Amino acid sequence: EVQLVESGGGLVQPGGSLRLSCTTSGFTFSSTAMIWVRQAPGKGLDWISTIARTRTGYGDSVKGRFTISRDDDGNTVYLQMNDLRPEDTAEYYCANWALDYWGQGTQVTVTS
């Protein structure tokens, strides 16, 4: 059974930081490109970042503030989020590149 479990979301003030984790099981994580996406209330999905082995990519809205990484031994992908802004408020999801597997999401709220 494939499982993706996100954690690390929460309430933070503007300028603060959070680190999201997505722990996976049930598929060959080490050979799978992974992505983070988010969905703000009333809006569509917004691609944030992708990691394939050591190569990474970022959406323009988070470039320079967010960093994606992975631990293949622990089957986990991370998203370090710095300099958070109110517009980063959203439900954050991890998924595999093919979008076959999704986590349940973790809420990030940035407010003063």
PDB file of N, CA and C in Angstrom:
ATOM      1  N   GLU A   1       0.843  -1.192   0.000  1.00  0.00           N
ATOM      2  CA  GLU A   1       0.000   0.000   0.000  1.00  0.00           C
ATOM      3  C   GLU A   1       0.885   1.252   0.000  1.00  0.00           C
ATOM      4  N   VAL A   2       0.623   2.135  -0.923  1.00  0.00           N
ATOM      5  CA  VAL A   2       1.367   3.386  -1.000  1.00  0.00           C
ATOM      6  C   VAL A   2       0.833   4.368   0.032  1.00  0.00           C
ATOM      7  N   GLN A   3       1.768   4.971   0.757  1.00  0.00           N
ATOM      8  CA  GLN A   3       1.376   5.989   1.725  1.00  0.00           C
ATOM      9  C   GLN A   3       2.337   7.175   1.633  1.00  0.00           C
ATOM     10  N   LEU A   4       1.794   8.382   1.701  1.00  0.00           N
ATOM     11  CA  LEU A   4       2.564   9.615   1.808  1.00  0.00           C
ATOM     12  C   LEU A   4       1.947  10.403   2.955  1.00  0.00           C
ATOM     13  N   VAL A   5       2.766  10.738   3.932  1.00  0.00           N
ATOM     14  CA  VAL A   5       2.264  11.415   5.121  1.00  0.00           C
ATOM     15  C   VAL A   5       3.048  12.708   5.313  1.00  0.00           C
ATOM     16  N   GLU A   6       2.356  13.824   5.141  1.00  0.00           N
ATOM     17  CA  GLU A   6       2.976  15.130   5.354  1.00  0.00           C
ATOM     18  C   GLU A   6       2.863  15.541   6.817  1.00  0.00           C
ATOM     19  N   SER A   7       3.834  16.313   7.253  1.00  0.00           N
ATOM     20  CA  SER A   7       3.799  16.877   8.595  1.00  0.00           C
ATOM     21  C   SER A   7       4.622  18.163   8.598  1.00  0.00           C
ATOM     22  N   GLY A   8       4.478  18.927   9.681  1.00  0.00           N
ATOM     23  CA  GLY A   8       5.297  20.112   9.842  1.00  0.00           C
ATOM     24  C   GLY A   8       4.582  21.430   9.607  1.00  0.00           C
ATOM     25  N   GLY A   9       3.342  21.364   9.156  1.00  0.00           N
ATOM     26  CA  GLY A   9       2.598  22.600   8.955  1.00  0.00           C
ATOM     27  C   GLY A   9       2.237  23.246  10.281  1.00  0.00           C
ATOM     28  N   GLY A  10       1.680  24.450  10.173  1.00  0.00           N
ATOM     29  CA  GLY A  10       1.278  25.146  11.385  1.00  0.00           C
ATOM     30  C   GLY A  10       1.032  26.614  11.134  1.00  0.00           C
ATOM     31  N   LEU A  11       0.948  27.336  12.231  1.00  0.00           N
ATOM     32  CA  LEU A  11       0.701  28.774  12.209  1.00  0.00           C
ATOM     33  C   LEU A  11       2.025  29.493  12.464  1.00  0.00           C
ATOM     34  N   VAL A  12       2.349  30.448  11.592  1.00  0.00           N
ATOM     35  CA  VAL A  12       3.616  31.152  11.722  1.00  0.00           C
ATOM     36  C   VAL A  12       3.418  32.610  11.333  1.00  0.00           C
ATOM     37  N   GLN A  13       4.230  33.478  11.907  1.00  0.00           N
ATOM     38  CA  GLN A  13       4.168  34.896  11.565  1.00  0.00           C
ATOM     39  C   GLN A  13       4.924  35.173  10.272  1.00  0.00           C
ATOM     40  N   PRO A  14       4.567  36.244   9.586  1.00  0.00           N
ATOM     41  CA  PRO A  14       5.328  36.621   8.383  1.00  0.00           C
ATOM     42  C   PRO A  14       6.811  36.748   8.697  1.00  0.00           C
ATOM     43  N   GLY A  15       7.630  36.242   7.787  1.00  0.00           N
ATOM     44  CA  GLY A  15       9.065  36.222   7.989  1.00  0.00           C
ATOM     45  C   GLY A  15       9.574  34.981   8.686  1.00  0.00           C
ATOM     46  N   GLY A  16       8.667  34.173   9.188  1.00  0.00           N
ATOM     47  CA  GLY A  16       9.054  32.966   9.899  1.00  0.00           C
ATOM     48  C   GLY A  16       9.380  31.813   8.968  1.00  0.00           C
ATOM     49  N   SER A  17       9.690  30.671   9.573  1.00  0.00           N
ATOM     50  CA  SER A  17      10.094  29.486   8.828  1.00  0.00           C
ATOM     51  C   SER A  17       9.333  28.258   9.301  1.00  0.00           C
ATOM     52  N   LEU A  18       9.183  27.327   8.403  1.00  0.00           N
ATOM     53  CA  LEU A  18       8.649  26.008   8.714  1.00  0.00           C
ATOM     54  C   LEU A  18       9.373  24.990   7.849  1.00  0.00           C
ATOM     55  N   ARG A  19       9.423  23.773   8.342  1.00  0.00           N
ATOM     56  CA  ARG A  19       9.987  22.673   7.551  1.00  0.00           C
ATOM     57  C   ARG A  19       8.944  21.587   7.446  1.00  0.00           C
ATOM     58  N   LEU A  20       8.514  21.340   6.223  1.00  0.00           N
ATOM     59  CA  LEU A  20       7.550  20.278   5.964  1.00  0.00           C
ATOM     60  C   LEU A  20       8.282  18.976   5.657  1.00  0.00           C
ATOM     61  N   SER A  21       7.688  17.878   6.087  1.00  0.00           N
ATOM     62  CA  SER A  21       8.209  16.554   5.784  1.00  0.00           C
ATOM     63  C   SER A  21       7.128  15.734   5.104  1.00  0.00           C
ATOM     64  N   CYS A  22       7.542  14.845   4.251  1.00  0.00           N
ATOM     65  CA  CYS A  22       6.628  13.910   3.592  1.00  0.00           C
ATOM     66  C   CYS A  22       7.307  12.547   3.635  1.00  0.00           C
ATOM     67  N   THR A  23       6.814  11.701   4.499  1.00  0.00           N
ATOM     68  CA  THR A  23       7.378  10.367   4.660  1.00  0.00           C
ATOM     69  C   THR A  23       6.559   9.384   3.843  1.00  0.00           C
ATOM     70  N   THR A  24       7.252   8.570   3.068  1.00  0.00           N
ATOM     71  CA  THR A  24       6.555   7.716   2.115  1.00  0.00           C
ATOM     72  C   THR A  24       6.838   6.237   2.360  1.00  0.00           C
ATOM     73  N   SER A  25       5.990   5.400   1.789  1.00  0.00           N
ATOM     74  CA  SER A  25       6.198   3.967   1.805  1.00  0.00           C
ATOM     75  C   SER A  25       5.369   3.353   0.682  1.00  0.00           C
ATOM     76  N   GLY A  26       5.745   2.133   0.300  1.00  0.00           N
ATOM     77  CA  GLY A  26       4.955   1.392  -0.672  1.00  0.00           C
ATOM     78  C   GLY A  26       5.370   1.553  -2.117  1.00  0.00           C
ATOM     79  N   PHE A  27       6.418   2.340  -2.371  1.00  0.00           N
ATOM     80  CA  PHE A  27       6.944   2.448  -3.733  1.00  0.00           C
ATOM     81  C   PHE A  27       8.442   2.732  -3.630  1.00  0.00           C
ATOM     82  N   THR A  28       9.130   2.651  -4.770  1.00  0.00           N
ATOM     83  CA  THR A  28      10.581   2.822  -4.774  1.00  0.00           C
ATOM     84  C   THR A  28      10.909   4.304  -4.761  1.00  0.00           C
ATOM     85  N   PHE A  29      11.020   4.839  -3.577  1.00  0.00           N
ATOM     86  CA  PHE A  29      11.186   6.277  -3.407  1.00  0.00           C
ATOM     87  C   PHE A  29      12.453   6.781  -4.082  1.00  0.00           C
ATOM     88  N   SER A  30      13.539   6.055  -3.933  1.00  0.00           N
ATOM     89  CA  SER A  30      14.833   6.557  -4.398  1.00  0.00           C
ATOM     90  C   SER A  30      14.880   6.803  -5.900  1.00  0.00           C
ATOM     91  N   SER A  31      14.032   6.152  -6.655  1.00  0.00           N
ATOM     92  CA  SER A  31      14.021   6.338  -8.109  1.00  0.00           C
ATOM     93  C   SER A  31      12.837   7.175  -8.577  1.00  0.00           C
ATOM     94  N   THR A  32      12.201   7.833  -7.643  1.00  0.00           N
ATOM     95  CA  THR A  32      10.980   8.589  -7.945  1.00  0.00           C
ATOM     96  C   THR A  32      11.204  10.081  -7.743  1.00  0.00           C
ATOM     97  N   ALA A  33      10.934  10.870  -8.762  1.00  0.00           N
ATOM     98  CA  ALA A  33      10.935  12.315  -8.602  1.00  0.00           C
ATOM     99  C   ALA A  33       9.707  12.705  -7.779  1.00  0.00           C
ATOM    100  N   MET A  34       9.919  13.659  -6.897  1.00  0.00           N
ATOM    101  CA  MET A  34       8.846  14.069  -5.994  1.00  0.00           C
ATOM    102  C   MET A  34       8.571  15.561  -6.143  1.00  0.00           C
ATOM    103  N   ILE A  35       7.343  15.935  -5.864  1.00  0.00           N
ATOM    104  CA  ILE A  35       6.970  17.338  -5.972  1.00  0.00           C
ATOM    105  C   ILE A  35       6.239  17.794  -4.713  1.00  0.00           C
ATOM    106  N   TRP A  36       6.240  19.090  -4.506  1.00  0.00           N
ATOM    107  CA  TRP A  36       5.370  19.745  -3.537  1.00  0.00           C
ATOM    108  C   TRP A  36       4.457  20.694  -4.317  1.00  0.00           C
ATOM    109  N   VAL A  37       3.189  20.665  -3.961  1.00  0.00           N
ATOM    110  CA  VAL A  37       2.229  21.610  -4.507  1.00  0.00           C
ATOM    111  C   VAL A  37       1.425  22.164  -3.340  1.00  0.00           C
ATOM    112  N   ARG A  38       0.704  23.219  -3.603  1.00  0.00           N
ATOM    113  CA  ARG A  38      -0.144  23.799  -2.560  1.00  0.00           C
ATOM    114  C   ARG A  38      -1.452  24.274  -3.169  1.00  0.00           C
ATOM    115  N   GLN A  39      -2.430  24.431  -2.298  1.00  0.00           N
ATOM    116  CA  GLN A  39      -3.718  24.933  -2.728  1.00  0.00           C
ATOM    117  C   GLN A  39      -4.244  25.901  -1.691  1.00  0.00           C
ATOM    118  N   ALA A  40      -4.362  27.147  -2.080  1.00  0.00           N
ATOM    119  CA  ALA A  40      -4.931  28.156  -1.205  1.00  0.00           C
ATOM    120  C   ALA A  40      -6.449  28.091  -1.292  1.00  0.00           C
ATOM    121  N   PRO A  41      -7.133  28.585  -0.284  1.00  0.00           N
ATOM    122  CA  PRO A  41      -8.600  28.538  -0.292  1.00  0.00           C
ATOM    123  C   PRO A  41      -9.170  29.204  -1.540  1.00  0.00           C
ATOM    124  N   GLY A  42     -10.039  28.479  -2.238  1.00  0.00           N
ATOM    125  CA  GLY A  42     -10.702  29.025  -3.406  1.00  0.00           C
ATOM    126  C   GLY A  42      -9.848  29.107  -4.651  1.00  0.00           C
ATOM    127  N   LYS A  43      -8.640  28.530  -4.597  1.00  0.00           N
ATOM    128  CA  LYS A  43      -7.738  28.601  -5.751  1.00  0.00           C
ATOM    129  C   LYS A  43      -7.348  27.200  -6.204  1.00  0.00           C
ATOM    130  N   GLY A  44      -6.721  27.126  -7.365  1.00  0.00           N
ATOM    131  CA  GLY A  44      -6.277  25.852  -7.898  1.00  0.00           C
ATOM    132  C   GLY A  44      -4.941  25.434  -7.326  1.00  0.00           C
ATOM    133  N   LEU A  45      -4.470  24.293  -7.785  1.00  0.00           N
ATOM    134  CA  LEU A  45      -3.180  23.794  -7.332  1.00  0.00           C
ATOM    135  C   LEU A  45      -2.049  24.659  -7.889  1.00  0.00           C
ATOM    136  N   ASP A  46      -1.072  24.900  -7.056  1.00  0.00           N
ATOM    137  CA  ASP A  46       0.079  25.735  -7.398  1.00  0.00           C
ATOM    138  C   ASP A  46       1.329  24.885  -7.209  1.00  0.00           C
ATOM    139  N   TRP A  47       2.067  24.612  -8.284  1.00  0.00           N
ATOM    140  CA  TRP A  47       3.297  23.844  -8.168  1.00  0.00           C
ATOM    141  C   TRP A  47       4.357  24.675  -7.459  1.00  0.00           C
ATOM    142  N   ILE A  48       5.020  24.034  -6.486  1.00  0.00           N
ATOM    143  CA  ILE A  48       6.032  24.733  -5.712  1.00  0.00           C
ATOM    144  C   ILE A  48       7.421  24.279  -6.101  1.00  0.00           C
ATOM    145  N   SER A  49       7.641  22.959  -6.083  1.00  0.00           N
ATOM    146  CA  SER A  49       9.001  22.479  -6.255  1.00  0.00           C
ATOM    147  C   SER A  49       9.021  21.019  -6.663  1.00  0.00           C
ATOM    148  N   THR A  50      10.117  20.647  -7.328  1.00  0.00           N
ATOM    149  CA  THR A  50      10.351  19.268  -7.747  1.00  0.00           C
ATOM    150  C   THR A  50      11.776  18.888  -7.399  1.00  0.00           C
ATOM    151  N   ILE A  51      11.959  17.624  -7.008  1.00  0.00           N
ATOM    152  CA  ILE A  51      13.306  17.099  -6.822  1.00  0.00           C
ATOM    153  C   ILE A  51      13.393  15.742  -7.498  1.00  0.00           C
ATOM    154  N   ALA A  52      14.409  15.596  -8.353  1.00  0.00           N
ATOM    155  CA  ALA A  52      14.677  14.335  -9.033  1.00  0.00           C
ATOM    156  C   ALA A  52      16.143  14.000  -8.768  1.00  0.00           C
ATOM    157  N   ARG A  53      16.358  12.989  -7.957  1.00  0.00           N
ATOM    158  CA  ARG A  53      17.711  12.701  -7.463  1.00  0.00           C
ATOM    159  C   ARG A  53      18.287  13.967  -6.862  1.00  0.00           C
ATOM    160  N   THR A  54      19.244  14.624  -7.500  1.00  0.00           N
ATOM    161  CA  THR A  54      19.814  15.842  -6.924  1.00  0.00           C
ATOM    162  C   THR A  54      19.356  17.101  -7.638  1.00  0.00           C
ATOM    163  N   ARG A  55      18.653  16.968  -8.718  1.00  0.00           N
ATOM    164  CA  ARG A  55      18.193  18.150  -9.457  1.00  0.00           C
ATOM    165  C   ARG A  55      16.917  18.677  -8.844  1.00  0.00           C
ATOM    166  N   THR A  56      16.817  19.991  -8.770  1.00  0.00           N
ATOM    167  CA  THR A  56      15.656  20.622  -8.171  1.00  0.00           C
ATOM    168  C   THR A  56      15.111  21.728  -9.075  1.00  0.00           C
ATOM    169  N   GLY A  57      13.861  22.046  -8.860  1.00  0.00           N
ATOM    170  CA  GLY A  57      13.235  23.152  -9.568  1.00  0.00           C
ATOM    171  C   GLY A  57      12.221  23.811  -8.656  1.00  0.00           C
ATOM    172  N   TYR A  58      11.986  25.115  -8.879  1.00  0.00           N
ATOM    173  CA  TYR A  58      11.099  25.882  -8.019  1.00  0.00           C
ATOM    174  C   TYR A  58      10.199  26.795  -8.836  1.00  0.00           C
ATOM    175  N   GLY A  59       8.998  26.998  -8.316  1.00  0.00           N
ATOM    176  CA  GLY A  59       8.130  28.003  -8.893  1.00  0.00           C
ATOM    177  C   GLY A  59       8.636  29.389  -8.572  1.00  0.00           C
ATOM    178  N   ASP A  60       8.291  30.345  -9.411  1.00  0.00           N
ATOM    179  CA  ASP A  60       8.792  31.708  -9.239  1.00  0.00           C
ATOM    180  C   ASP A  60       8.373  32.312  -7.904  1.00  0.00           C
ATOM    181  N   SER A  61       7.214  31.939  -7.408  1.00  0.00           N
ATOM    182  CA  SER A  61       6.703  32.558  -6.188  1.00  0.00           C
ATOM    183  C   SER A  61       7.476  32.133  -4.935  1.00  0.00           C
ATOM    184  N   VAL A  62       8.241  31.051  -5.028  1.00  0.00           N
ATOM    185  CA  VAL A  62       8.955  30.554  -3.843  1.00  0.00           C
ATOM    186  C   VAL A  62      10.460  30.500  -4.045  1.00  0.00           C
ATOM    187  N   LYS A  63      10.919  30.778  -5.253  1.00  0.00           N
ATOM    188  CA  LYS A  63      12.342  30.668  -5.555  1.00  0.00           C
ATOM    189  C   LYS A  63      13.146  31.603  -4.644  1.00  0.00           C
ATOM    190  N   GLY A  64      14.202  31.055  -4.053  1.00  0.00           N
ATOM    191  CA  GLY A  64      15.035  31.840  -3.143  1.00  0.00           C
ATOM    192  C   GLY A  64      14.572  31.808  -1.699  1.00  0.00           C
ATOM    193  N   ARG A  65      13.359  31.312  -1.471  1.00  0.00           N
ATOM    194  CA  ARG A  65      12.833  31.248  -0.101  1.00  0.00           C
ATOM    195  C   ARG A  65      12.642  29.815   0.372  1.00  0.00           C
ATOM    196  N   PHE A  66      12.270  28.935  -0.539  1.00  0.00           N
ATOM    197  CA  PHE A  66      11.999  27.534  -0.203  1.00  0.00           C
ATOM    198  C   PHE A  66      13.113  26.656  -0.744  1.00  0.00           C
ATOM    199  N   THR A  67      13.385  25.569  -0.026  1.00  0.00           N
ATOM    200  CA  THR A  67      14.391  24.602  -0.457  1.00  0.00           C
ATOM    201  C   THR A  67      13.837  23.192  -0.306  1.00  0.00           C
ATOM    202  N   ILE A  68      13.880  22.441  -1.389  1.00  0.00           N
ATOM    203  CA  ILE A  68      13.441  21.044  -1.356  1.00  0.00           C
ATOM    204  C   ILE A  68      14.656  20.149  -1.191  1.00  0.00           C
ATOM    205  N   SER A  69      14.477  19.061  -0.461  1.00  0.00           N
ATOM    206  CA  SER A  69      15.553  18.089  -0.294  1.00  0.00           C
ATOM    207  C   SER A  69      14.923  16.720  -0.070  1.00  0.00           C
ATOM    208  N   ARG A  70      15.765  15.715  -0.081  1.00  0.00           N
ATOM    209  CA  ARG A  70      15.249  14.364   0.111  1.00  0.00           C
ATOM    210  C   ARG A  70      16.247  13.515   0.852  1.00  0.00           C
ATOM    211  N   ASP A  71      15.721  12.524   1.538  1.00  0.00           N
ATOM    212  CA  ASP A  71      16.520  11.525   2.233  1.00  0.00           C
ATOM    213  C   ASP A  71      16.067  10.176   1.695  1.00  0.00           C
ATOM    214  N   ASP A  72      16.833   9.616   0.780  1.00  0.00           N
ATOM    215  CA  ASP A  72      16.419   8.364   0.158  1.00  0.00           C
ATOM    216  C   ASP A  72      16.471   7.195   1.134  1.00  0.00           C
ATOM    217  N   ASP A  73      17.341   7.275   2.130  1.00  0.00           N
ATOM    218  CA  ASP A  73      17.383   6.192   3.124  1.00  0.00           C
ATOM    219  C   ASP A  73      16.127   6.204   3.983  1.00  0.00           C
ATOM    220  N   GLY A  74      15.605   7.394   4.241  1.00  0.00           N
ATOM    221  CA  GLY A  74      14.411   7.517   5.070  1.00  0.00           C
ATOM    222  C   GLY A  74      13.121   7.669   4.285  1.00  0.00           C
ATOM    223  N   ASN A  75      13.240   7.585   2.941  1.00  0.00           N
ATOM    224  CA  ASN A  75      12.054   7.696   2.082  1.00  0.00           C
ATOM    225  C   ASN A  75      11.251   8.958   2.368  1.00  0.00           C
ATOM    226  N   THR A  76      11.957  10.046   2.564  1.00  0.00           N
ATOM    227  CA  THR A  76      11.299  11.290   2.966  1.00  0.00           C
ATOM    228  C   THR A  76      11.762  12.444   2.086  1.00  0.00           C
ATOM    229  N   VAL A  77      10.827  13.301   1.746  1.00  0.00           N
ATOM    230  CA  VAL A  77      11.134  14.540   1.039  1.00  0.00           C
ATOM    231  C   VAL A  77      10.750  15.702   1.955  1.00  0.00           C
ATOM    232  N   TYR A  78      11.576  16.733   1.917  1.00  0.00           N
ATOM    233  CA  TYR A  78      11.390  17.872   2.802  1.00  0.00           C
ATOM    234  C   TYR A  78      11.164  19.147   1.993  1.00  0.00           C
ATOM    235  N   LEU A  79      10.549  20.117   2.663  1.00  0.00           N
ATOM    236  CA  LEU A  79      10.437  21.456   2.095  1.00  0.00           C
ATOM    237  C   LEU A  79      10.734  22.453   3.208  1.00  0.00           C
ATOM    238  N   GLN A  80      11.901  23.070   3.126  1.00  0.00           N
ATOM    239  CA  GLN A  80      12.267  24.123   4.064  1.00  0.00           C
ATOM    240  C   GLN A  80      11.721  25.428   3.530  1.00  0.00           C
ATOM    241  N   MET A  81      10.899  26.087   4.328  1.00  0.00           N
ATOM    242  CA  MET A  81      10.251  27.320   3.899  1.00  0.00           C
ATOM    243  C   MET A  81      10.704  28.463   4.800  1.00  0.00           C
ATOM    244  N   ASN A  82      11.377  29.412   4.207  1.00  0.00           N
ATOM    245  CA  ASN A  82      11.861  30.582   4.934  1.00  0.00           C
ATOM    246  C   ASN A  82      11.176  31.840   4.437  1.00  0.00           C
ATOM    247  N   ASP A  83      11.250  32.892   5.230  1.00  0.00           N
ATOM    248  CA  ASP A  83      10.673  34.188   4.854  1.00  0.00           C
ATOM    249  C   ASP A  83       9.221  34.022   4.399  1.00  0.00           C
ATOM    250  N   LEU A  84       8.460  33.329   5.195  1.00  0.00           N
ATOM    251  CA  LEU A  84       7.075  33.056   4.826  1.00  0.00           C
ATOM    252  C   LEU A  84       6.252  34.334   4.775  1.00  0.00           C
ATOM    253  N   ARG A  85       5.305  34.326   3.846  1.00  0.00           N
ATOM    254  CA  ARG A  85       4.446  35.484   3.608  1.00  0.00           C
ATOM    255  C   ARG A  85       2.988  35.073   3.740  1.00  0.00           C
ATOM    256  N   PRO A  86       2.103  36.004   3.996  1.00  0.00           N
ATOM    257  CA  PRO A  86       0.676  35.632   4.091  1.00  0.00           C
ATOM    258  C   PRO A  86       0.171  34.910   2.843  1.00  0.00           C
ATOM    259  N   GLU A  87       0.693  35.241   1.687  1.00  0.00           N
ATOM    260  CA  GLU A  87       0.245  34.581   0.454  1.00  0.00           C
ATOM    261  C   GLU A  87       0.737  33.135   0.331  1.00  0.00           C
ATOM    262  N   ASP A  88       1.591  32.705   1.259  1.00  0.00           N
ATOM    263  CA  ASP A  88       2.001  31.301   1.293  1.00  0.00           C
ATOM    264  C   ASP A  88       0.986  30.432   2.032  1.00  0.00           C
ATOM    265  N   THR A  89      -0.010  31.050   2.624  1.00  0.00           N
ATOM    266  CA  THR A  89      -1.036  30.297   3.336  1.00  0.00           C
ATOM    267  C   THR A  89      -1.763  29.370   2.378  1.00  0.00           C
ATOM    268  N   ALA A  90      -1.758  28.089   2.700  1.00  0.00           N
ATOM    269  CA  ALA A  90      -2.351  27.082   1.817  1.00  0.00           C
ATOM    270  C   ALA A  90      -2.251  25.712   2.473  1.00  0.00           C
ATOM    271  N   GLU A  91      -2.926  24.766   1.859  1.00  0.00           N
ATOM    272  CA  GLU A  91      -2.721  23.356   2.187  1.00  0.00           C
ATOM    273  C   GLU A  91      -1.586  22.878   1.292  1.00  0.00           C
ATOM    274  N   TYR A  92      -0.596  22.223   1.886  1.00  0.00           N
ATOM    275  CA  TYR A  92       0.577  21.774   1.149  1.00  0.00           C
ATOM    276  C   TYR A  92       0.541  20.255   1.005  1.00  0.00           C
ATOM    277  N   TYR A  93       0.795  19.812  -0.212  1.00  0.00           N
ATOM    278  CA  TYR A  93       0.761  18.385  -0.529  1.00  0.00           C
ATOM    279  C   TYR A  93       2.072  17.943  -1.165  1.00  0.00           C
ATOM    280  N   CYS A  94       2.482  16.729  -0.843  1.00  0.00           N
ATOM    281  CA  CYS A  94       3.554  16.100  -1.610  1.00  0.00           C
ATOM    282  C   CYS A  94       2.920  15.045  -2.513  1.00  0.00           C
ATOM    283  N   ALA A  95       3.611  14.771  -3.592  1.00  0.00           N
ATOM    284  CA  ALA A  95       3.137  13.769  -4.548  1.00  0.00           C
ATOM    285  C   ALA A  95       4.325  13.270  -5.360  1.00  0.00           C
ATOM    286  N   ASN A  96       4.143  12.137  -6.019  1.00  0.00           N
ATOM    287  CA  ASN A  96       5.181  11.715  -6.947  1.00  0.00           C
ATOM    288  C   ASN A  96       5.014  12.483  -8.244  1.00  0.00           C
ATOM    289  N   TRP A  97       6.060  12.509  -9.063  1.00  0.00           N
ATOM    290  CA  TRP A  97       6.058  13.311 -10.286  1.00  0.00           C
ATOM    291  C   TRP A  97       4.892  12.962 -11.197  1.00  0.00           C
ATOM    292  N   ALA A  98       4.528  11.693 -11.252  1.00  0.00           N
ATOM    293  CA  ALA A  98       3.430  11.269 -12.133  1.00  0.00           C
ATOM    294  C   ALA A  98       2.065  11.571 -11.547  1.00  0.00           C
ATOM    295  N   LEU A  99       2.045  12.092 -10.318  1.00  0.00           N
ATOM    296  CA  LEU A  99       0.801  12.472  -9.636  1.00  0.00           C
ATOM    297  C   LEU A  99      -0.104  11.264  -9.368  1.00  0.00           C
ATOM    298  N   ASP A 100       0.517  10.089  -9.266  1.00  0.00           N
ATOM    299  CA  ASP A 100      -0.255   8.894  -8.920  1.00  0.00           C
ATOM    300  C   ASP A 100      -0.522   8.827  -7.432  1.00  0.00           C
ATOM    301  N   TYR A 101       0.443   9.308  -6.657  1.00  0.00           N
ATOM    302  CA  TYR A 101       0.387   9.162  -5.206  1.00  0.00           C
ATOM    303  C   TYR A 101       0.387  10.541  -4.554  1.00  0.00           C
ATOM    304  N   TRP A 102      -0.516  10.717  -3.590  1.00  0.00           N
ATOM    305  CA  TRP A 102      -0.663  11.999  -2.910  1.00  0.00           C
ATOM    306  C   TRP A 102      -0.727  11.787  -1.405  1.00  0.00           C
ATOM    307  N   GLY A 103      -0.224  12.769  -0.684  1.00  0.00           N
ATOM    308  CA  GLY A 103      -0.428  12.783   0.746  1.00  0.00           C
ATOM    309  C   GLY A 103      -1.757  13.443   1.072  1.00  0.00           C
ATOM    310  N   GLN A 104      -2.041  13.495   2.376  1.00  0.00           N
ATOM    311  CA  GLN A 104      -3.309  14.058   2.831  1.00  0.00           C
ATOM    312  C   GLN A 104      -3.245  15.564   2.995  1.00  0.00           C
ATOM    313  N   GLY A 105      -2.044  16.120   2.963  1.00  0.00           N
ATOM    314  CA  GLY A 105      -1.876  17.556   3.072  1.00  0.00           C
ATOM    315  C   GLY A 105      -1.564  18.006   4.489  1.00  0.00           C
ATOM    316  N   THR A 106      -0.897  19.144   4.572  1.00  0.00           N
ATOM    317  CA  THR A 106      -0.630  19.782   5.862  1.00  0.00           C
ATOM    318  C   THR A 106      -0.863  21.285   5.688  1.00  0.00           C
ATOM    319  N   GLN A 107      -1.537  21.870   6.636  1.00  0.00           N
ATOM    320  CA  GLN A 107      -1.945  23.272   6.512  1.00  0.00           C
ATOM    321  C   GLN A 107      -0.835  24.197   7.000  1.00  0.00           C
ATOM    322  N   VAL A 108      -0.564  25.204   6.202  1.00  0.00           N
ATOM    323  CA  VAL A 108       0.367  26.267   6.574  1.00  0.00           C
ATOM    324  C   VAL A 108      -0.411  27.581   6.575  1.00  0.00           C
ATOM    325  N   THR A 109      -0.370  28.271   7.695  1.00  0.00           N
ATOM    326  CA  THR A 109      -1.043  29.556   7.821  1.00  0.00           C
ATOM    327  C   THR A 109      -0.027  30.601   8.257  1.00  0.00           C
ATOM    328  N   VAL A 110       0.092  31.646   7.464  1.00  0.00           N
ATOM    329  CA  VAL A 110       1.040  32.723   7.757  1.00  0.00           C
ATOM    330  C   VAL A 110       0.231  33.977   8.057  1.00  0.00           C
ATOM    331  N   THR A 111       0.287  34.402   9.298  1.00  0.00           N
ATOM    332  CA  THR A 111      -0.493  35.559   9.703  1.00  0.00           C
ATOM    333  C   THR A 111       0.142  36.224  10.917  1.00  0.00           C
ATOM    334  N   SER A 112      -0.060  37.522  11.019  1.00  0.00           N
ATOM    335  CA  SER A 112       0.437  38.242  12.186  1.00  0.00           C
ATOM    336  C   SER A 112      -0.656  38.368  13.246  1.00  0.00           C
TER     337      SER A 112
END
